[in-house]
Amino acid sequence: MWFRRSNLWTRQHRKSRAGVLILPAITVAFLAYFGFHAFHGEFGIYNKHKLDLQAAALKEQLASIKAEREEIEQRVQLLHDGTIEKDMLDEQARRALSLSREDEVTIYRPALKAVN
């Protein structure tokens, strides 16, 4: 052989303290990022409370709209052919013609707003 083993230098590398902390630091950063977004994100724990309040308000609104719809359906049912009641017919005719008798008191209510 043309080289000798005794001439080879070996150098032992000691791990630095910074190298030992790289993986735990990356892990902590990763967990902190996802932990922050789990709490403060768009669908996180903090915003879940806001979404629950909004859902409750919308459920109340839905219930009032359903009640109004049922009332309107009931009034429409009274106007179908063959089932028109005299009181309903009288009320609709007076409202359309803006007429009332001399001995009657007429109370006008504001018209319902159209729901878009």
PDB file of N, CA and C in Angstrom:
ATOM      1  N   MET A   1       0.820  -1.174   0.000  1.00  0.00           N
ATOM      2  CA  MET A   1       0.000   0.000   0.000  1.00  0.00           C
ATOM      3  C   MET A   1       0.867   1.241   0.000  1.00  0.00           C
ATOM      4  N   TRP A   2       0.349   2.199  -0.571  1.00  0.00           N
ATOM      5  CA  TRP A   2       1.160   3.397  -0.715  1.00  0.00           C
ATOM      6  C   TRP A   2       0.959   4.406   0.387  1.00  0.00           C
ATOM      7  N   PHE A   3      -0.008   4.182   1.315  1.00  0.00           N
ATOM      8  CA  PHE A   3      -0.134   5.080   2.468  1.00  0.00           C
ATOM      9  C   PHE A   3      -0.134   4.259   3.752  1.00  0.00           C
ATOM     10  N   ARG A   4       0.199   4.912   4.779  1.00  0.00           N
ATOM     11  CA  ARG A   4       0.267   4.226   6.057  1.00  0.00           C
ATOM     12  C   ARG A   4      -0.904   4.632   6.930  1.00  0.00           C
ATOM     13  N   ARG A   5      -1.316   3.684   7.728  1.00  0.00           N
ATOM     14  CA  ARG A   5      -2.428   3.944   8.640  1.00  0.00           C
ATOM     15  C   ARG A   5      -2.034   4.947   9.716  1.00  0.00           C
ATOM     16  N   SER A   6      -0.895   5.000  10.069  1.00  0.00           N
ATOM     17  CA  SER A   6      -0.479   5.881  11.145  1.00  0.00           C
ATOM     18  C   SER A   6      -0.579   7.354  10.751  1.00  0.00           C
ATOM     19  N   ASN A   7      -0.596   7.633   9.461  1.00  0.00           N
ATOM     20  CA  ASN A   7      -0.685   9.016   9.018  1.00  0.00           C
ATOM     21  C   ASN A   7      -2.127   9.554   8.980  1.00  0.00           C
ATOM     22  N   LEU A   8      -3.112   8.726   9.133  1.00  0.00           N
ATOM     23  CA  LEU A   8      -4.498   9.169   9.071  1.00  0.00           C
ATOM     24  C   LEU A   8      -4.878   9.845  10.387  1.00  0.00           C
ATOM     25  N   TRP A   9      -5.479  10.959  10.240  1.00  0.00           N
ATOM     26  CA  TRP A   9      -5.916  11.696  11.414  1.00  0.00           C
ATOM     27  C   TRP A   9      -7.413  11.487  11.598  1.00  0.00           C
ATOM     28  N   THR A  10      -7.777  11.225  12.759  1.00  0.00           N
ATOM     29  CA  THR A  10      -9.209  11.144  13.056  1.00  0.00           C
ATOM     30  C   THR A  10      -9.548  12.263  14.022  1.00  0.00           C
ATOM     31  N   ARG A  11     -10.648  12.853  13.745  1.00  0.00           N
ATOM     32  CA  ARG A  11     -11.075  13.937  14.622  1.00  0.00           C
ATOM     33  C   ARG A  11     -12.467  13.595  15.120  1.00  0.00           C
ATOM     34  N   GLN A  12     -12.656  13.605  16.373  1.00  0.00           N
ATOM     35  CA  GLN A  12     -13.963  13.321  16.926  1.00  0.00           C
ATOM     36  C   GLN A  12     -14.717  14.628  17.069  1.00  0.00           C
ATOM     37  N   HIS A  13     -15.941  14.604  16.544  1.00  0.00           N
ATOM     38  CA  HIS A  13     -16.774  15.799  16.631  1.00  0.00           C
ATOM     39  C   HIS A  13     -17.675  15.685  17.848  1.00  0.00           C
ATOM     40  N   ARG A  14     -17.615  16.666  18.662  1.00  0.00           N
ATOM     41  CA  ARG A  14     -18.474  16.712  19.830  1.00  0.00           C
ATOM     42  C   ARG A  14     -19.736  17.482  19.420  1.00  0.00           C
ATOM     43  N   LYS A  15     -20.908  16.961  19.781  1.00  0.00           N
ATOM     44  CA  LYS A  15     -22.152  17.648  19.442  1.00  0.00           C
ATOM     45  C   LYS A  15     -22.254  18.925  20.253  1.00  0.00           C
ATOM     46  N   SER A  16     -22.602  19.989  19.575  1.00  0.00           N
ATOM     47  CA  SER A  16     -22.734  21.259  20.281  1.00  0.00           C
ATOM     48  C   SER A  16     -24.083  21.311  20.995  1.00  0.00           C
ATOM     49  N   ARG A  17     -24.165  22.178  21.966  1.00  0.00           N
ATOM     50  CA  ARG A  17     -25.416  22.310  22.699  1.00  0.00           C
ATOM     51  C   ARG A  17     -26.520  22.860  21.812  1.00  0.00           C
ATOM     52  N   ALA A  18     -26.196  23.695  20.885  1.00  0.00           N
ATOM     53  CA  ALA A  18     -27.203  24.251  19.971  1.00  0.00           C
ATOM     54  C   ALA A  18     -27.789  23.153  19.099  1.00  0.00           C
ATOM     55  N   GLY A  19     -26.991  22.221  18.669  1.00  0.00           N
ATOM     56  CA  GLY A  19     -27.466  21.121  17.841  1.00  0.00           C
ATOM     57  C   GLY A  19     -28.437  20.218  18.575  1.00  0.00           C
ATOM     58  N   VAL A  20     -28.264  20.068  19.853  1.00  0.00           N
ATOM     59  CA  VAL A  20     -29.144  19.234  20.658  1.00  0.00           C
ATOM     60  C   VAL A  20     -30.510  19.900  20.820  1.00  0.00           C
ATOM     61  N   LEU A  21     -30.554  21.216  20.800  1.00  0.00           N
ATOM     62  CA  LEU A  21     -31.804  21.935  21.035  1.00  0.00           C
ATOM     63  C   LEU A  21     -32.602  22.239  19.766  1.00  0.00           C
ATOM     64  N   ILE A  22     -32.085  21.918  18.614  1.00  0.00           N
ATOM     65  CA  ILE A  22     -32.775  22.257  17.357  1.00  0.00           C
ATOM     66  C   ILE A  22     -34.102  21.508  17.232  1.00  0.00           C
ATOM     67  N   LEU A  23     -34.095  20.214  17.400  1.00  0.00           N
ATOM     68  CA  LEU A  23     -35.328  19.425  17.252  1.00  0.00           C
ATOM     69  C   LEU A  23     -36.378  19.810  18.295  1.00  0.00           C
ATOM     70  N   PRO A  24     -36.071  19.946  19.554  1.00  0.00           N
ATOM     71  CA  PRO A  24     -37.091  20.397  20.516  1.00  0.00           C
ATOM     72  C   PRO A  24     -37.608  21.798  20.215  1.00  0.00           C
ATOM     73  N   ALA A  25     -36.746  22.690  19.727  1.00  0.00           N
ATOM     74  CA  ALA A  25     -37.190  24.050  19.392  1.00  0.00           C
ATOM     75  C   ALA A  25     -38.168  24.029  18.228  1.00  0.00           C
ATOM     76  N   ILE A  26     -37.890  23.216  17.220  1.00  0.00           N
ATOM     77  CA  ILE A  26     -38.809  23.098  16.076  1.00  0.00           C
ATOM     78  C   ILE A  26     -40.136  22.497  16.536  1.00  0.00           C
ATOM     79  N   THR A  27     -40.076  21.511  17.407  1.00  0.00           N
ATOM     80  CA  THR A  27     -41.295  20.878  17.930  1.00  0.00           C
ATOM     81  C   THR A  27     -42.133  21.871  18.728  1.00  0.00           C
ATOM     82  N   VAL A  28     -41.490  22.664  19.570  1.00  0.00           N
ATOM     83  CA  VAL A  28     -42.215  23.656  20.361  1.00  0.00           C
ATOM     84  C   VAL A  28     -42.850  24.701  19.449  1.00  0.00           C
ATOM     85  N   ALA A  29     -42.124  25.158  18.436  1.00  0.00           N
ATOM     86  CA  ALA A  29     -42.674  26.140  17.498  1.00  0.00           C
ATOM     87  C   ALA A  29     -43.875  25.561  16.745  1.00  0.00           C
ATOM     88  N   PHE A  30     -43.765  24.326  16.327  1.00  0.00           N
ATOM     89  CA  PHE A  30     -44.846  23.648  15.603  1.00  0.00           C
ATOM     90  C   PHE A  30     -46.098  23.543  16.480  1.00  0.00           C
ATOM     91  N   LEU A  31     -45.924  23.094  17.717  1.00  0.00           N
ATOM     92  CA  LEU A  31     -47.055  22.947  18.631  1.00  0.00           C
ATOM     93  C   LEU A  31     -47.646  24.300  19.016  1.00  0.00           C
ATOM     94  N   ALA A  32     -46.801  25.307  19.183  1.00  0.00           N
ATOM     95  CA  ALA A  32     -47.300  26.641  19.522  1.00  0.00           C
ATOM     96  C   ALA A  32     -48.137  27.216  18.387  1.00  0.00           C
ATOM     97  N   TYR A  33     -47.693  27.021  17.158  1.00  0.00           N
ATOM     98  CA  TYR A  33     -48.435  27.524  15.995  1.00  0.00           C
ATOM     99  C   TYR A  33     -49.828  26.896  15.927  1.00  0.00           C
ATOM    100  N   PHE A  34     -49.881  25.584  15.974  1.00  0.00           N
ATOM    101  CA  PHE A  34     -51.175  24.914  15.856  1.00  0.00           C
ATOM    102  C   PHE A  34     -52.028  25.099  17.116  1.00  0.00           C
ATOM    103  N   GLY A  35     -51.399  25.210  18.269  1.00  0.00           N
ATOM    104  CA  GLY A  35     -52.150  25.484  19.491  1.00  0.00           C
ATOM    105  C   GLY A  35     -52.800  26.853  19.451  1.00  0.00           C
ATOM    106  N   PHE A  36     -52.065  27.851  18.972  1.00  0.00           N
ATOM    107  CA  PHE A  36     -52.614  29.199  18.852  1.00  0.00           C
ATOM    108  C   PHE A  36     -53.820  29.209  17.917  1.00  0.00           C
ATOM    109  N   HIS A  37     -53.694  28.564  16.767  1.00  0.00           N
ATOM    110  CA  HIS A  37     -54.789  28.560  15.801  1.00  0.00           C
ATOM    111  C   HIS A  37     -55.957  27.677  16.244  1.00  0.00           C
ATOM    112  N   ALA A  38     -55.695  26.685  17.068  1.00  0.00           N
ATOM    113  CA  ALA A  38     -56.801  25.881  17.614  1.00  0.00           C
ATOM    114  C   ALA A  38     -57.654  26.715  18.560  1.00  0.00           C
ATOM    115  N   PHE A  39     -57.062  27.695  19.196  1.00  0.00           N
ATOM    116  CA  PHE A  39     -57.810  28.533  20.131  1.00  0.00           C
ATOM    117  C   PHE A  39     -58.374  29.782  19.461  1.00  0.00           C
ATOM    118  N   HIS A  40     -57.548  30.481  18.680  1.00  0.00           N
ATOM    119  CA  HIS A  40     -57.942  31.764  18.102  1.00  0.00           C
ATOM    120  C   HIS A  40     -58.313  31.700  16.627  1.00  0.00           C
ATOM    121  N   GLY A  41     -58.235  30.570  15.996  1.00  0.00           N
ATOM    122  CA  GLY A  41     -58.504  30.460  14.565  1.00  0.00           C
ATOM    123  C   GLY A  41     -59.960  30.712  14.229  1.00  0.00           C
ATOM    124  N   GLU A  42     -60.256  30.705  12.940  1.00  0.00           N
ATOM    125  CA  GLU A  42     -61.611  31.002  12.467  1.00  0.00           C
ATOM    126  C   GLU A  42     -62.643  30.047  13.072  1.00  0.00           C
ATOM    127  N   PHE A  43     -62.303  28.799  13.207  1.00  0.00           N
ATOM    128  CA  PHE A  43     -63.200  27.811  13.806  1.00  0.00           C
ATOM    129  C   PHE A  43     -62.614  27.270  15.115  1.00  0.00           C
ATOM    130  N   GLY A  44     -61.871  28.092  15.812  1.00  0.00           N
ATOM    131  CA  GLY A  44     -61.236  27.696  17.062  1.00  0.00           C
ATOM    132  C   GLY A  44     -62.195  27.742  18.237  1.00  0.00           C
ATOM    133  N   ILE A  45     -61.655  27.458  19.404  1.00  0.00           N
ATOM    134  CA  ILE A  45     -62.452  27.391  20.627  1.00  0.00           C
ATOM    135  C   ILE A  45     -63.074  28.751  20.947  1.00  0.00           C
ATOM    136  N   TYR A  46     -62.308  29.816  20.777  1.00  0.00           N
ATOM    137  CA  TYR A  46     -62.796  31.161  21.089  1.00  0.00           C
ATOM    138  C   TYR A  46     -63.956  31.551  20.167  1.00  0.00           C
ATOM    139  N   ASN A  47     -63.819  31.280  18.878  1.00  0.00           N
ATOM    140  CA  ASN A  47     -64.861  31.663  17.929  1.00  0.00           C
ATOM    141  C   ASN A  47     -66.047  30.705  17.942  1.00  0.00           C
ATOM    142  N   LYS A  48     -65.885  29.518  18.513  1.00  0.00           N
ATOM    143  CA  LYS A  48     -67.012  28.588  18.609  1.00  0.00           C
ATOM    144  C   LYS A  48     -68.120  29.199  19.462  1.00  0.00           C
ATOM    145  N   HIS A  49     -67.744  29.918  20.507  1.00  0.00           N
ATOM    146  CA  HIS A  49     -68.728  30.579  21.365  1.00  0.00           C
ATOM    147  C   HIS A  49     -69.509  31.628  20.562  1.00  0.00           C
ATOM    148  N   LYS A  50     -68.807  32.407  19.761  1.00  0.00           N
ATOM    149  CA  LYS A  50     -69.479  33.405  18.921  1.00  0.00           C
ATOM    150  C   LYS A  50     -70.424  32.738  17.925  1.00  0.00           C
ATOM    151  N   LEU A  51     -69.977  31.644  17.325  1.00  0.00           N
ATOM    152  CA  LEU A  51     -70.817  30.929  16.362  1.00  0.00           C
ATOM    153  C   LEU A  51     -72.054  30.334  17.037  1.00  0.00           C
ATOM    154  N   ASP A  52     -71.909  29.855  18.275  1.00  0.00           N
ATOM    155  CA  ASP A  52     -73.061  29.325  19.010  1.00  0.00           C
ATOM    156  C   ASP A  52     -74.092  30.412  19.292  1.00  0.00           C
ATOM    157  N   LEU A  53     -73.631  31.606  19.680  1.00  0.00           N
ATOM    158  CA  LEU A  53     -74.549  32.721  19.919  1.00  0.00           C
ATOM    159  C   LEU A  53     -75.271  33.125  18.632  1.00  0.00           C
ATOM    160  N   GLN A  54     -74.522  33.154  17.537  1.00  0.00           N
ATOM    161  CA  GLN A  54     -75.124  33.514  16.249  1.00  0.00           C
ATOM    162  C   GLN A  54     -76.147  32.456  15.832  1.00  0.00           C
ATOM    163  N   ALA A  55     -75.839  31.194  16.049  1.00  0.00           N
ATOM    164  CA  ALA A  55     -76.773  30.112  15.700  1.00  0.00           C
ATOM    165  C   ALA A  55     -78.050  30.215  16.526  1.00  0.00           C
ATOM    166  N   ALA A  56     -77.935  30.557  17.810  1.00  0.00           N
ATOM    167  CA  ALA A  56     -79.114  30.702  18.659  1.00  0.00           C
ATOM    168  C   ALA A  56     -79.992  31.857  18.183  1.00  0.00           C
ATOM    169  N   ALA A  57     -79.370  32.968  17.807  1.00  0.00           N
ATOM    170  CA  ALA A  57     -80.138  34.115  17.303  1.00  0.00           C
ATOM    171  C   ALA A  57     -80.845  33.762  15.997  1.00  0.00           C
ATOM    172  N   LEU A  58     -80.168  33.036  15.132  1.00  0.00           N
ATOM    173  CA  LEU A  58     -80.787  32.641  13.863  1.00  0.00           C
ATOM    174  C   LEU A  58     -81.919  31.637  14.072  1.00  0.00           C
ATOM    175  N   LYS A  59     -81.799  30.773  15.076  1.00  0.00           N
ATOM    176  CA  LYS A  59     -82.883  29.829  15.378  1.00  0.00           C
ATOM    177  C   LYS A  59     -84.122  30.565  15.870  1.00  0.00           C
ATOM    178  N   GLU A  60     -83.914  31.601  16.688  1.00  0.00           N
ATOM    179  CA  GLU A  60     -85.051  32.403  17.150  1.00  0.00           C
ATOM    180  C   GLU A  60     -85.719  33.119  15.973  1.00  0.00           C
ATOM    181  N   GLN A  61     -84.909  33.647  15.086  1.00  0.00           N
ATOM    182  CA  GLN A  61     -85.447  34.322  13.902  1.00  0.00           C
ATOM    183  C   GLN A  61     -86.218  33.337  13.033  1.00  0.00           C
ATOM    184  N   LEU A  62     -85.690  32.132  12.871  1.00  0.00           N
ATOM    185  CA  LEU A  62     -86.368  31.107  12.091  1.00  0.00           C
ATOM    186  C   LEU A  62     -87.709  30.744  12.712  1.00  0.00           C
ATOM    187  N   ALA A  63     -87.747  30.625  14.032  1.00  0.00           N
ATOM    188  CA  ALA A  63     -89.001  30.278  14.718  1.00  0.00           C
ATOM    189  C   ALA A  63     -90.054  31.361  14.503  1.00  0.00           C
ATOM    190  N   SER A  64     -89.663  32.636  14.578  1.00  0.00           N
ATOM    191  CA  SER A  64     -90.642  33.710  14.369  1.00  0.00           C
ATOM    192  C   SER A  64     -91.123  33.743  12.918  1.00  0.00           C
ATOM    193  N   ILE A  65     -90.234  33.483  11.982  1.00  0.00           N
ATOM    194  CA  ILE A  65     -90.634  33.453  10.571  1.00  0.00           C
ATOM    195  C   ILE A  65     -91.561  32.275  10.296  1.00  0.00           C
ATOM    196  N   LYS A  66     -91.281  31.122  10.921  1.00  0.00           N
ATOM    197  CA  LYS A  66     -92.171  29.969  10.742  1.00  0.00           C
ATOM    198  C   LYS A  66     -93.558  30.250  11.308  1.00  0.00           C
ATOM    199  N   ALA A  67     -93.617  30.918  12.471  1.00  0.00           N
ATOM    200  CA  ALA A  67     -94.914  31.246  13.068  1.00  0.00           C
ATOM    201  C   ALA A  67     -95.679  32.208  12.163  1.00  0.00           C
ATOM    202  N   GLU A  68     -94.987  33.185  11.617  1.00  0.00           N
ATOM    203  CA  GLU A  68     -95.636  34.128  10.701  1.00  0.00           C
ATOM    204  C   GLU A  68     -96.128  33.420   9.447  1.00  0.00           C
ATOM    205  N   ARG A  69     -95.323  32.483   8.941  1.00  0.00           N
ATOM    206  CA  ARG A  69     -95.715  31.729   7.751  1.00  0.00           C
ATOM    207  C   ARG A  69     -96.958  30.882   8.025  1.00  0.00           C
ATOM    208  N   GLU A  70     -97.003  30.230   9.179  1.00  0.00           N
ATOM    209  CA  GLU A  70     -98.171  29.416   9.522  1.00  0.00           C
ATOM    210  C   GLU A  70     -99.427  30.267   9.632  1.00  0.00           C
ATOM    211  N   GLU A  71     -99.291  31.468  10.183  1.00  0.00           N
ATOM    212  CA  GLU A  71    -100.430  32.382  10.279  1.00  0.00           C
ATOM    213  C   GLU A  71    -100.918  32.786   8.893  1.00  0.00           C
ATOM    214  N   ILE A  72     -99.993  33.089   8.016  1.00  0.00           N
ATOM    215  CA  ILE A  72    -100.362  33.471   6.647  1.00  0.00           C
ATOM    216  C   ILE A  72    -101.001  32.294   5.921  1.00  0.00           C
ATOM    217  N   GLU A  73    -100.448  31.081   6.097  1.00  0.00           N
ATOM    218  CA  GLU A  73    -101.033  29.897   5.467  1.00  0.00           C
ATOM    219  C   GLU A  73    -102.457  29.656   5.966  1.00  0.00           C
ATOM    220  N   GLN A  74    -102.686  29.891   7.253  1.00  0.00           N
ATOM    221  CA  GLN A  74    -104.025  29.712   7.807  1.00  0.00           C
ATOM    222  C   GLN A  74    -104.988  30.715   7.183  1.00  0.00           C
ATOM    223  N   ARG A  75    -104.547  31.969   7.032  1.00  0.00           N
ATOM    224  CA  ARG A  75    -105.413  32.985   6.425  1.00  0.00           C
ATOM    225  C   ARG A  75    -105.681  32.667   4.952  1.00  0.00           C
ATOM    226  N   VAL A  76    -104.677  32.151   4.259  1.00  0.00           N
ATOM    227  CA  VAL A  76    -104.866  31.779   2.852  1.00  0.00           C
ATOM    228  C   VAL A  76    -105.828  30.612   2.739  1.00  0.00           C
ATOM    229  N   GLN A  77    -105.737  29.673   3.672  1.00  0.00           N
ATOM    230  CA  GLN A  77    -106.643  28.522   3.668  1.00  0.00           C
ATOM    231  C   GLN A  77    -108.099  28.969   3.788  1.00  0.00           C
ATOM    232  N   LEU A  78    -108.338  30.034   4.542  1.00  0.00           N
ATOM    233  CA  LEU A  78    -109.698  30.537   4.708  1.00  0.00           C
ATOM    234  C   LEU A  78    -110.217  31.198   3.431  1.00  0.00           C
ATOM    235  N   LEU A  79    -109.320  31.565   2.516  1.00  0.00           N
ATOM    236  CA  LEU A  79    -109.731  32.229   1.280  1.00  0.00           C
ATOM    237  C   LEU A  79    -109.897  31.283   0.097  1.00  0.00           C
ATOM    238  N   HIS A  80    -109.632  30.003   0.268  1.00  0.00           N
ATOM    239  CA  HIS A  80    -109.763  29.063  -0.848  1.00  0.00           C
ATOM    240  C   HIS A  80    -111.213  28.976  -1.317  1.00  0.00           C
ATOM    241  N   ASP A  81    -111.380  28.613  -2.580  1.00  0.00           N
ATOM    242  CA  ASP A  81    -112.724  28.480  -3.159  1.00  0.00           C
ATOM    243  C   ASP A  81    -113.535  27.445  -2.388  1.00  0.00           C
ATOM    244  N   GLY A  82    -114.787  27.781  -2.127  1.00  0.00           N
ATOM    245  CA  GLY A  82    -115.688  26.863  -1.446  1.00  0.00           C
ATOM    246  C   GLY A  82    -115.571  26.926   0.060  1.00  0.00           C
ATOM    247  N   THR A  83    -114.541  27.581   0.598  1.00  0.00           N
ATOM    248  CA  THR A  83    -114.392  27.636   2.045  1.00  0.00           C
ATOM    249  C   THR A  83    -114.262  29.070   2.551  1.00  0.00           C
ATOM    250  N   ILE A  84    -114.649  30.038   1.752  1.00  0.00           N
ATOM    251  CA  ILE A  84    -114.531  31.429   2.180  1.00  0.00           C
ATOM    252  C   ILE A  84    -115.541  31.692   3.290  1.00  0.00           C
ATOM    253  N   GLU A  85    -115.042  32.156   4.424  1.00  0.00           N
ATOM    254  CA  GLU A  85    -115.913  32.497   5.534  1.00  0.00           C
ATOM    255  C   GLU A  85    -116.411  33.923   5.353  1.00  0.00           C
ATOM    256  N   LYS A  86    -117.590  34.172   5.848  1.00  0.00           N
ATOM    257  CA  LYS A  86    -118.199  35.500   5.683  1.00  0.00           C
ATOM    258  C   LYS A  86    -117.357  36.580   6.353  1.00  0.00           C
ATOM    259  N   ASP A  87    -116.842  36.311   7.527  1.00  0.00           N
ATOM    260  CA  ASP A  87    -116.039  37.315   8.225  1.00  0.00           C
ATOM    261  C   ASP A  87    -114.772  37.656   7.452  1.00  0.00           C
ATOM    262  N   MET A  88    -114.127  36.628   6.899  1.00  0.00           N
ATOM    263  CA  MET A  88    -112.900  36.865   6.134  1.00  0.00           C
ATOM    264  C   MET A  88    -113.218  37.628   4.858  1.00  0.00           C
ATOM    265  N   LEU A  89    -114.293  37.271   4.187  1.00  0.00           N
ATOM    266  CA  LEU A  89    -114.689  37.961   2.968  1.00  0.00           C
ATOM    267  C   LEU A  89    -115.024  39.419   3.269  1.00  0.00           C
ATOM    268  N   ASP A  90    -115.753  39.647   4.345  1.00  0.00           N
ATOM    269  CA  ASP A  90    -116.118  41.002   4.740  1.00  0.00           C
ATOM    270  C   ASP A  90    -114.858  41.822   5.063  1.00  0.00           C
ATOM    271  N   GLU A  91    -113.936  41.227   5.801  1.00  0.00           N
ATOM    272  CA  GLU A  91    -112.695  41.929   6.169  1.00  0.00           C
ATOM    273  C   GLU A  91    -111.876  42.284   4.929  1.00  0.00           C
ATOM    274  N   GLN A  92    -111.741  41.349   4.010  1.00  0.00           N
ATOM    275  CA  GLN A  92    -110.953  41.611   2.803  1.00  0.00           C
ATOM    276  C   GLN A  92    -111.614  42.671   1.917  1.00  0.00           C
ATOM    277  N   ALA A  93    -112.926  42.607   1.794  1.00  0.00           N
ATOM    278  CA  ALA A  93    -113.635  43.594   0.962  1.00  0.00           C
ATOM    279  C   ALA A  93    -113.513  44.991   1.557  1.00  0.00           C
ATOM    280  N   ARG A  94    -113.674  45.119   2.864  1.00  0.00           N
ATOM    281  CA  ARG A  94    -113.564  46.429   3.510  1.00  0.00           C
ATOM    282  C   ARG A  94    -112.144  46.983   3.396  1.00  0.00           C
ATOM    283  N   ARG A  95    -111.178  46.109   3.531  1.00  0.00           N
ATOM    284  CA  ARG A  95    -109.795  46.571   3.416  1.00  0.00           C
ATOM    285  C   ARG A  95    -109.498  47.020   1.986  1.00  0.00           C
ATOM    286  N   ALA A  96    -109.952  46.261   0.996  1.00  0.00           N
ATOM    287  CA  ALA A  96    -109.679  46.605  -0.403  1.00  0.00           C
ATOM    288  C   ALA A  96    -110.395  47.881  -0.810  1.00  0.00           C
ATOM    289  N   LEU A  97    -111.610  48.094  -0.311  1.00  0.00           N
ATOM    290  CA  LEU A  97    -112.396  49.257  -0.710  1.00  0.00           C
ATOM    291  C   LEU A  97    -112.278  50.429   0.253  1.00  0.00           C
ATOM    292  N   SER A  98    -111.595  50.201   1.384  1.00  0.00           N
ATOM    293  CA  SER A  98    -111.458  51.222   2.432  1.00  0.00           C
ATOM    294  C   SER A  98    -112.819  51.758   2.859  1.00  0.00           C
ATOM    295  N   LEU A  99    -113.749  50.851   3.114  1.00  0.00           N
ATOM    296  CA  LEU A  99    -115.097  51.219   3.525  1.00  0.00           C
ATOM    297  C   LEU A  99    -115.404  50.660   4.900  1.00  0.00           C
ATOM    298  N   SER A 100    -116.266  51.388   5.614  1.00  0.00           N
ATOM    299  CA  SER A 100    -116.809  50.886   6.877  1.00  0.00           C
ATOM    300  C   SER A 100    -118.156  51.558   7.119  1.00  0.00           C
ATOM    301  N   ARG A 101    -118.938  50.942   7.998  1.00  0.00           N
ATOM    302  CA  ARG A 101    -120.250  51.521   8.303  1.00  0.00           C
ATOM    303  C   ARG A 101    -120.089  52.673   9.283  1.00  0.00           C
ATOM    304  N   GLU A 102    -121.184  53.455   9.439  1.00  0.00           N
ATOM    305  CA  GLU A 102    -121.136  54.610  10.334  1.00  0.00           C
ATOM    306  C   GLU A 102    -121.000  54.200  11.792  1.00  0.00           C
ATOM    307  N   ASP A 103    -121.557  53.056  12.155  1.00  0.00           N
ATOM    308  CA  ASP A 103    -121.539  52.646  13.552  1.00  0.00           C
ATOM    309  C   ASP A 103    -120.327  51.767  13.894  1.00  0.00           C
ATOM    310  N   GLU A 104    -119.367  51.649  12.998  1.00  0.00           N
ATOM    311  CA  GLU A 104    -118.191  50.819  13.231  1.00  0.00           C
ATOM    312  C   GLU A 104    -116.963  51.693  13.505  1.00  0.00           C
ATOM    313  N   VAL A 105    -116.058  51.120  14.260  1.00  0.00           N
ATOM    314  CA  VAL A 105    -114.767  51.772  14.509  1.00  0.00           C
ATOM    315  C   VAL A 105    -113.728  51.004  13.709  1.00  0.00           C
ATOM    316  N   THR A 106    -112.983  51.698  12.890  1.00  0.00           N
ATOM    317  CA  THR A 106    -111.964  51.060  12.055  1.00  0.00           C
ATOM    318  C   THR A 106    -110.589  51.379  12.626  1.00  0.00           C
ATOM    319  N   ILE A 107    -109.815  50.347  12.862  1.00  0.00           N
ATOM    320  CA  ILE A 107    -108.448  50.498  13.370  1.00  0.00           C
ATOM    321  C   ILE A 107    -107.508  50.012  12.287  1.00  0.00           C
ATOM    322  N   TYR A 108    -106.669  50.912  11.802  1.00  0.00           N
ATOM    323  CA  TYR A 108    -105.706  50.552  10.757  1.00  0.00           C
ATOM    324  C   TYR A 108    -104.379  50.168  11.397  1.00  0.00           C
ATOM    325  N   ARG A 109    -103.874  49.032  10.984  1.00  0.00           N
ATOM    326  CA  ARG A 109    -102.559  48.590  11.437  1.00  0.00           C
ATOM    327  C   ARG A 109    -101.572  48.812  10.313  1.00  0.00           C
ATOM    328  N   PRO A 110    -100.317  49.046  10.632  1.00  0.00           N
ATOM    329  CA  PRO A 110     -99.328  49.236   9.567  1.00  0.00           C
ATOM    330  C   PRO A 110     -99.174  47.927   8.786  1.00  0.00           C
ATOM    331  N   ALA A 111     -98.909  48.101   7.488  1.00  0.00           N
ATOM    332  CA  ALA A 111     -98.769  46.926   6.606  1.00  0.00           C
ATOM    333  C   ALA A 111     -97.499  46.168   6.983  1.00  0.00           C
ATOM    334  N   LEU A 112     -97.520  44.860   6.772  1.00  0.00           N
ATOM    335  CA  LEU A 112     -96.338  44.033   7.038  1.00  0.00           C
ATOM    336  C   LEU A 112     -95.290  44.316   5.979  1.00  0.00           C
ATOM    337  N   LYS A 113     -94.040  44.400   6.409  1.00  0.00           N
ATOM    338  CA  LYS A 113     -92.947  44.626   5.476  1.00  0.00           C
ATOM    339  C   LYS A 113     -92.640  43.340   4.729  1.00  0.00           C
ATOM    340  N   ALA A 114     -92.306  43.482   3.460  1.00  0.00           N
ATOM    341  CA  ALA A 114     -91.958  42.307   2.666  1.00  0.00           C
ATOM    342  C   ALA A 114     -90.601  41.789   3.114  1.00  0.00           C
ATOM    343  N   VAL A 115     -90.474  40.468   3.270  1.00  0.00           N
ATOM    344  CA  VAL A 115     -89.218  39.844   3.665  1.00  0.00           C
ATOM    345  C   VAL A 115     -88.496  39.413   2.411  1.00  0.00           C
ATOM    346  N   ASN A 116     -87.281  39.907   2.256  1.00  0.00           N
ATOM    347  CA  ASN A 116     -86.498  39.534   1.060  1.00  0.00           C
ATOM    348  C   ASN A 116     -85.540  38.454   1.387  1.00  0.00           C
TER     349      ASN A 116
END
